[in-house]
Structures are given as C-alpha cells and as structure tokens.
C-alpha atoms as a PDB file:
ATOM      1  CA  UNK A   1       0.000   0.000   0.000  1.00  0.00           C
ATOM      2  CA  UNK A   2       1.494   3.313  -1.034  1.00  0.00           C
ATOM      3  CA  UNK A   3       0.807   6.981  -0.563  1.00  0.00           C
ATOM      4  CA  UNK A   4       1.353   9.235  -3.578  1.00  0.00           C
ATOM      5  CA  UNK A   5       1.749  13.007  -3.282  1.00  0.00           C
ATOM      6  CA  UNK A   6      -0.471  14.373  -6.064  1.00  0.00           C
ATOM      7  CA  UNK A   7       1.534  17.609  -6.256  1.00  0.00           C
ATOM      8  CA  UNK A   8       5.011  16.169  -6.858  1.00  0.00           C
ATOM      9  CA  UNK A   9       4.416  12.430  -7.461  1.00  0.00           C
ATOM     10  CA  UNK A  10       6.509  11.353  -4.483  1.00  0.00           C
ATOM     11  CA  UNK A  11       5.695   7.791  -3.376  1.00  0.00           C
ATOM     12  CA  UNK A  12       5.851   6.528   0.206  1.00  0.00           C
ATOM     13  CA  UNK A  13       5.390   2.821   0.964  1.00  0.00           C
ATOM     14  CA  UNK A  14       2.943   2.482   3.864  1.00  0.00           C
ATOM     15  CA  UNK A  15       2.636  -1.319   3.975  1.00  0.00           C
ATOM     16  CA  UNK A  16       4.381  -4.205   2.224  1.00  0.00           C
ATOM     17  CA  UNK A  17       2.017  -7.170   2.116  1.00  0.00           C
ATOM     18  CA  UNK A  18       4.844  -9.635   1.359  1.00  0.00           C
ATOM     19  CA  UNK A  19       3.286 -13.072   0.653  1.00  0.00           C
ATOM     20  CA  UNK A  20      -0.342 -12.261   1.486  1.00  0.00           C
ATOM     21  CA  UNK A  21      -2.984 -10.473  -0.553  1.00  0.00           C
ATOM     22  CA  UNK A  22      -4.899  -7.370   0.409  1.00  0.00           C
ATOM     23  CA  UNK A  23      -8.576  -8.105  -0.186  1.00  0.00           C
ATOM     24  CA  UNK A  24      -9.034  -4.869  -2.066  1.00  0.00           C
ATOM     25  CA  UNK A  25     -11.301  -3.079   0.391  1.00  0.00           C
ATOM     26  CA  UNK A  26      -9.425  -0.044   1.649  1.00  0.00           C
ATOM     27  CA  UNK A  27     -11.030   2.956   3.356  1.00  0.00           C
ATOM     28  CA  UNK A  28      -9.598   6.085   4.938  1.00  0.00           C
ATOM     29  CA  UNK A  29     -11.259   7.161   8.175  1.00  0.00           C
ATOM     30  CA  UNK A  30     -13.352  10.362   8.181  1.00  0.00           C
ATOM     31  CA  UNK A  31     -10.689  12.124  10.300  1.00  0.00           C
ATOM     32  CA  UNK A  32      -8.008  11.042   7.753  1.00  0.00           C
ATOM     33  CA  UNK A  33      -5.876   9.406  10.490  1.00  0.00           C
ATOM     34  CA  UNK A  34      -6.409   5.701   9.731  1.00  0.00           C
ATOM     35  CA  UNK A  35      -6.812   3.251   6.880  1.00  0.00           C
ATOM     36  CA  UNK A  36      -9.040   0.187   7.329  1.00  0.00           C
ATOM     37  CA  UNK A  37      -8.385  -2.758   5.029  1.00  0.00           C
ATOM     38  CA  UNK A  38      -8.928  -6.514   4.751  1.00  0.00           C
ATOM     39  CA  UNK A  39      -5.932  -8.818   4.442  1.00  0.00           C
ATOM     40  CA  UNK A  40      -5.499 -12.525   3.763  1.00  0.00           C
ATOM     41  CA  UNK A  41      -4.895 -14.369   7.065  1.00  0.00           C
ATOM     42  CA  UNK A  42      -1.858 -16.178   5.638  1.00  0.00           C
ATOM     43  CA  UNK A  43      -0.520 -17.004   2.185  1.00  0.00           C
ATOM     44  CA  UNK A  44      -2.551 -20.238   1.949  1.00  0.00           C
ATOM     45  CA  UNK A  45      -5.791 -18.919   3.439  1.00  0.00           C
ATOM     46  CA  UNK A  46      -9.022 -17.973   1.680  1.00  0.00           C
ATOM     47  CA  UNK A  47     -10.085 -15.966   4.742  1.00  0.00           C
ATOM     48  CA  UNK A  48      -9.288 -12.332   5.511  1.00  0.00           C
ATOM     49  CA  UNK A  49      -9.016 -10.311   8.701  1.00  0.00           C
ATOM     50  CA  UNK A  50      -9.649  -6.588   9.199  1.00  0.00           C
ATOM     51  CA  UNK A  51      -6.661  -4.314   9.913  1.00  0.00           C
ATOM     52  CA  UNK A  52      -6.197  -0.636  10.708  1.00  0.00           C
ATOM     53  CA  UNK A  53      -3.086   1.203   9.578  1.00  0.00           C
ATOM     54  CA  UNK A  54      -2.192   4.704  10.743  1.00  0.00           C
ATOM     55  CA  UNK A  55      -2.055   7.141   7.819  1.00  0.00           C
ATOM     56  CA  UNK A  56       1.702   7.584   8.346  1.00  0.00           C
ATOM     57  CA  UNK A  57       2.203   3.791   8.089  1.00  0.00           C
ATOM     58  CA  UNK A  58       3.823   3.501  11.516  1.00  0.00           C
ATOM     59  CA  UNK A  59       1.084   1.573  13.341  1.00  0.00           C
ATOM     60  CA  UNK A  60      -0.681  -1.491  11.948  1.00  0.00           C
ATOM     61  CA  UNK A  61      -3.242  -3.278  14.138  1.00  0.00           C
ATOM     62  CA  UNK A  62      -5.196  -6.436  13.390  1.00  0.00           C
ATOM     63  CA  UNK A  63      -8.622  -5.195  14.467  1.00  0.00           C
ATOM     64  CA  UNK A  64     -10.750  -8.285  13.663  1.00  0.00           C
ATOM     65  CA  UNK A  65      -9.149 -11.736  13.790  1.00  0.00           C
ATOM     66  CA  UNK A  66     -10.919 -15.099  13.814  1.00  0.00           C
ATOM     67  CA  UNK A  67     -11.354 -18.161  11.607  1.00  0.00           C
ATOM     68  CA  UNK A  68     -14.120 -16.491   9.573  1.00  0.00           C
ATOM     69  CA  UNK A  69     -13.728 -14.466   6.403  1.00  0.00           C
ATOM     70  CA  UNK A  70     -13.991 -10.829   7.538  1.00  0.00           C
ATOM     71  CA  UNK A  71     -13.982  -8.417   4.605  1.00  0.00           C
ATOM     72  CA  UNK A  72     -15.019  -5.069   3.196  1.00  0.00           C
ATOM     73  CA  UNK A  73     -14.489  -2.642   6.102  1.00  0.00           C
ATOM     74  CA  UNK A  74     -16.195   0.763   5.938  1.00  0.00           C
ATOM     75  CA  UNK A  75     -16.188   3.610   8.426  1.00  0.00           C
ATOM     76  CA  UNK A  76     -19.317   5.100   9.925  1.00  0.00           C
ATOM     77  CA  UNK A  77     -19.694   8.796   8.978  1.00  0.00           C
ATOM     78  CA  UNK A  78     -18.481   9.866  12.453  1.00  0.00           C
ATOM     79  CA  UNK A  79     -15.520   7.428  12.369  1.00  0.00           C
ATOM     80  CA  UNK A  80     -16.507   5.825  15.678  1.00  0.00           C
ATOM     81  CA  UNK A  81     -17.477   2.466  14.176  1.00  0.00           C
ATOM     82  CA  UNK A  82     -16.208   0.154  11.503  1.00  0.00           C
ATOM     83  CA  UNK A  83     -18.693  -2.039   9.658  1.00  0.00           C
ATOM     84  CA  UNK A  84     -17.638  -5.200   7.834  1.00  0.00           C
ATOM     85  CA  UNK A  85     -18.952  -8.384   6.256  1.00  0.00           C
ATOM     86  CA  UNK A  86     -18.325 -11.742   7.922  1.00  0.00           C
ATOM     87  CA  UNK A  87     -19.308 -15.349   7.357  1.00  0.00           C
ATOM     88  CA  UNK A  88     -18.669 -16.372  10.971  1.00  0.00           C
ATOM     89  CA  UNK A  89     -22.249 -17.699  11.297  1.00  0.00           C
ATOM     90  CA  UNK A  90     -22.137 -19.417   7.903  1.00  0.00           C
ATOM     91  CA  UNK A  91     -23.996 -16.652   6.034  1.00  0.00           C
ATOM     92  CA  UNK A  92     -23.032 -13.237   4.642  1.00  0.00           C
ATOM     93  CA  UNK A  93     -23.690 -11.013   7.654  1.00  0.00           C
ATOM     94  CA  UNK A  94     -23.097  -7.344   8.430  1.00  0.00           C
ATOM     95  CA  UNK A  95     -21.141  -6.636  11.633  1.00  0.00           C
ATOM     96  CA  UNK A  96     -19.826  -3.542  13.386  1.00  0.00           C
ATOM     97  CA  UNK A  97     -17.259  -2.735  16.030  1.00  0.00           C
ATOM     98  CA  UNK A  98     -16.541   0.485  17.882  1.00  0.00           C
ATOM     99  CA  UNK A  99     -13.162   2.056  17.184  1.00  0.00           C
ATOM    100  CA  UNK A 100     -11.283   4.685  19.183  1.00  0.00           C
ATOM    101  CA  UNK A 101      -7.878   6.052  18.147  1.00  0.00           C
ATOM    102  CA  UNK A 102      -7.403   3.165  15.731  1.00  0.00           C
ATOM    103  CA  UNK A 103      -8.176   0.414  18.252  1.00  0.00           C
ATOM    104  CA  UNK A 104     -11.184  -1.825  18.836  1.00  0.00           C
ATOM    105  CA  UNK A 105     -13.484  -0.980  21.717  1.00  0.00           C
ATOM    106  CA  UNK A 106     -15.409  -4.058  22.837  1.00  0.00           C
ATOM    107  CA  UNK A 107     -16.382  -6.951  20.614  1.00  0.00           C
ATOM    108  CA  UNK A 108     -17.985  -7.007  17.158  1.00  0.00           C
ATOM    109  CA  UNK A 109     -21.789  -6.950  17.112  1.00  0.00           C
ATOM    110  CA  UNK A 110     -24.117  -8.409  14.505  1.00  0.00           C
ATOM    111  CA  UNK A 111     -26.081  -5.706  12.632  1.00  0.00           C
ATOM    112  CA  UNK A 112     -27.914  -7.712   9.972  1.00  0.00           C
ATOM    113  CA  UNK A 113     -27.781 -11.424   9.292  1.00  0.00           C
ATOM    114  CA  UNK A 114     -28.009 -13.250   5.996  1.00  0.00           C
ATOM    115  CA  UNK A 115     -27.619 -10.658   3.264  1.00  0.00           C
ATOM    116  CA  UNK A 116     -27.937 -13.445   0.698  1.00  0.00           C
ATOM    117  CA  UNK A 117     -25.613 -15.659  -1.286  1.00  0.00           C
ATOM    118  CA  UNK A 118     -22.654 -14.533  -3.318  1.00  0.00           C
ATOM    119  CA  UNK A 119     -19.899 -12.069  -2.636  1.00  0.00           C
ATOM    120  CA  UNK A 120     -20.873  -8.779  -0.991  1.00  0.00           C
ATOM    121  CA  UNK A 121     -18.717  -5.649  -0.971  1.00  0.00           C
ATOM    122  CA  UNK A 122     -19.659  -2.746   1.261  1.00  0.00           C
ATOM    123  CA  UNK A 123     -19.482   0.608  -0.527  1.00  0.00           C
ATOM    124  CA  UNK A 124     -20.340   3.126   2.147  1.00  0.00           C
ATOM    125  CA  UNK A 125     -22.775   4.613   4.608  1.00  0.00           C
ATOM    126  CA  UNK A 126     -24.823   7.718   3.931  1.00  0.00           C
ATOM    127  CA  UNK A 127     -25.432  10.437   6.504  1.00  0.00           C
ATOM    128  CA  UNK A 128     -28.889   8.945   7.167  1.00  0.00           C
ATOM    129  CA  UNK A 129     -27.081   5.659   8.062  1.00  0.00           C
ATOM    130  CA  UNK A 130     -28.199   3.765   4.962  1.00  0.00           C
ATOM    131  CA  UNK A 131     -25.643   1.136   3.974  1.00  0.00           C
ATOM    132  CA  UNK A 132     -24.791   0.541   0.326  1.00  0.00           C
ATOM    133  CA  UNK A 133     -23.253  -2.656  -0.998  1.00  0.00           C
ATOM    134  CA  UNK A 134     -22.809  -4.515  -4.255  1.00  0.00           C
ATOM    135  CA  UNK A 135     -23.293  -8.189  -4.935  1.00  0.00           C
ATOM    136  CA  UNK A 136     -22.215 -10.471  -7.722  1.00  0.00           C
ATOM    137  CA  UNK A 137     -25.888 -11.548  -7.973  1.00  0.00           C
ATOM    138  CA  UNK A 138     -25.028 -14.588 -10.042  1.00  0.00           C
ATOM    139  CA  UNK A 139     -27.865 -16.970 -10.802  1.00  0.00           C
ATOM    140  CA  UNK A 140     -28.480 -20.072 -12.821  1.00  0.00           C
ATOM    141  CA  UNK A 141     -31.561 -20.568 -14.984  1.00  0.00           C
ATOM    142  CA  UNK A 142     -32.862 -24.009 -15.932  1.00  0.00           C
ATOM    143  CA  UNK A 143     -34.427 -24.738 -19.341  1.00  0.00           C
ATOM    144  CA  UNK A 144     -36.106 -27.800 -20.833  1.00  0.00           C
ATOM    145  CA  UNK A 145     -36.385 -28.705 -24.507  1.00  0.00           C
ATOM    146  CA  UNK A 146     -37.074 -31.657 -26.770  1.00  0.00           C
ATOM    147  CA  UNK A 147     -33.961 -32.913 -28.543  1.00  0.00           C
ATOM    148  CA  UNK A 148     -33.629 -34.478 -31.998  1.00  0.00           C
ATOM    149  CA  UNK A 149     -31.412 -37.541 -31.613  1.00  0.00           C
ATOM    150  CA  UNK A 150     -30.290 -37.550 -35.236  1.00  0.00           C
ATOM    151  CA  UNK A 151     -29.182 -33.914 -35.450  1.00  0.00           C
ATOM    152  CA  UNK A 152     -28.437 -33.489 -31.711  1.00  0.00           C
ATOM    153  CA  UNK A 153     -30.269 -30.173 -31.829  1.00  0.00           C
ATOM    154  CA  UNK A 154     -33.425 -28.759 -30.264  1.00  0.00           C
ATOM    155  CA  UNK A 155     -36.763 -29.545 -31.859  1.00  0.00           C
ATOM    156  CA  UNK A 156     -38.464 -26.655 -30.033  1.00  0.00           C
ATOM    157  CA  UNK A 157     -37.312 -23.412 -28.454  1.00  0.00           C
ATOM    158  CA  UNK A 158     -36.069 -24.020 -24.875  1.00  0.00           C
ATOM    159  CA  UNK A 159     -38.640 -23.358 -22.136  1.00  0.00           C
ATOM    160  CA  UNK A 160     -37.418 -21.719 -18.938  1.00  0.00           C
ATOM    161  CA  UNK A 161     -38.600 -23.754 -15.953  1.00  0.00           C
ATOM    162  CA  UNK A 162     -36.720 -22.038 -13.118  1.00  0.00           C
ATOM    163  CA  UNK A 163     -38.149 -19.123 -11.171  1.00  0.00           C
ATOM    164  CA  UNK A 164     -35.873 -16.257 -10.220  1.00  0.00           C
ATOM    165  CA  UNK A 165     -36.432 -14.865  -6.759  1.00  0.00           C
ATOM    166  CA  UNK A 166     -36.082 -11.107  -6.320  1.00  0.00           C
ATOM    167  CA  UNK A 167     -35.598 -11.209  -2.565  1.00  0.00           C
END
C-alpha cells in the first residue's frame, strides 16, 4: 500500500504485504488518520481479517481476527465504528465494532444477518445511516427442450422452468 503526493508524485510505501494479498477493500477514516483494510490471514488462506493502519504507516493493528472471512471494512460517517462483512455464522452477515484512536473498543456486534448468497462488498454509509453494498448476484436458470437424436439439436425453443427470486 502506497501513498502518492499528487503535487510532486513522491511515493511513500505504507505497507508491504509480502506473501499475502490485500482483499481490495481499503477505506480512509473520516478524520483522515487511519486506513481500514482486509488482508489474507496467511498465504494459503481464503479468509481475511480486518486491519487498521495509521495514515503515516507507523502503526498497523489487526482489528478483527478469527477463523471467519472478515472483509469489506467501511467507516461510519463519524468514524466511531467500523462495519464489515463476515461469514462467521455461515452466512453473509453485516457486523460492526466500535473504534477509538485506531483500536477496537469491545467486541464485534451483529447488525444484519443473511444478506444473501454470493460475494458482498460494502461501498459506504450515507449520513442517514443507509448502507450501500454490491453483490455479484449470479444466478443459474434451468431450461427444458425436446432434442432431436439424429441432429443433436433442439426440436423446439427451450422453455425456462426455473423461477428467479427477487428477494
């Protein structure tokens, strides 16, 4: 993770991830003092933990650490809480933890359980405390048709037999 001075192009390395991968969710706190990000637990893991790095790169704290996949940290508008996605209960759930001077205060609390299947990435929180996220929203449709054995092609147009839920 680097910091680039937009006036002169100077680059400062804030964090070298070495053999692990940053999950891609990086957010600067509202007071511009901290960076929250998700990071692979180890080089062979598919799970991430949530970290907080001071903006100068001098202090790096693992804020959320457990066997679950904790991803997509976002700051509350006042910077007093960090929200994140976790599968610690086996579903895609929204969690939050209080943060003070770059450190966790208390334990994470469940905000909303089961936000559906697929990958979720938190985008942000509005001033009215609405949370915005994106999903891959992949789905599979099932069709049925009559086949011609000789030509190995359809005799009729395929008929969709699956129903798509819009939950």
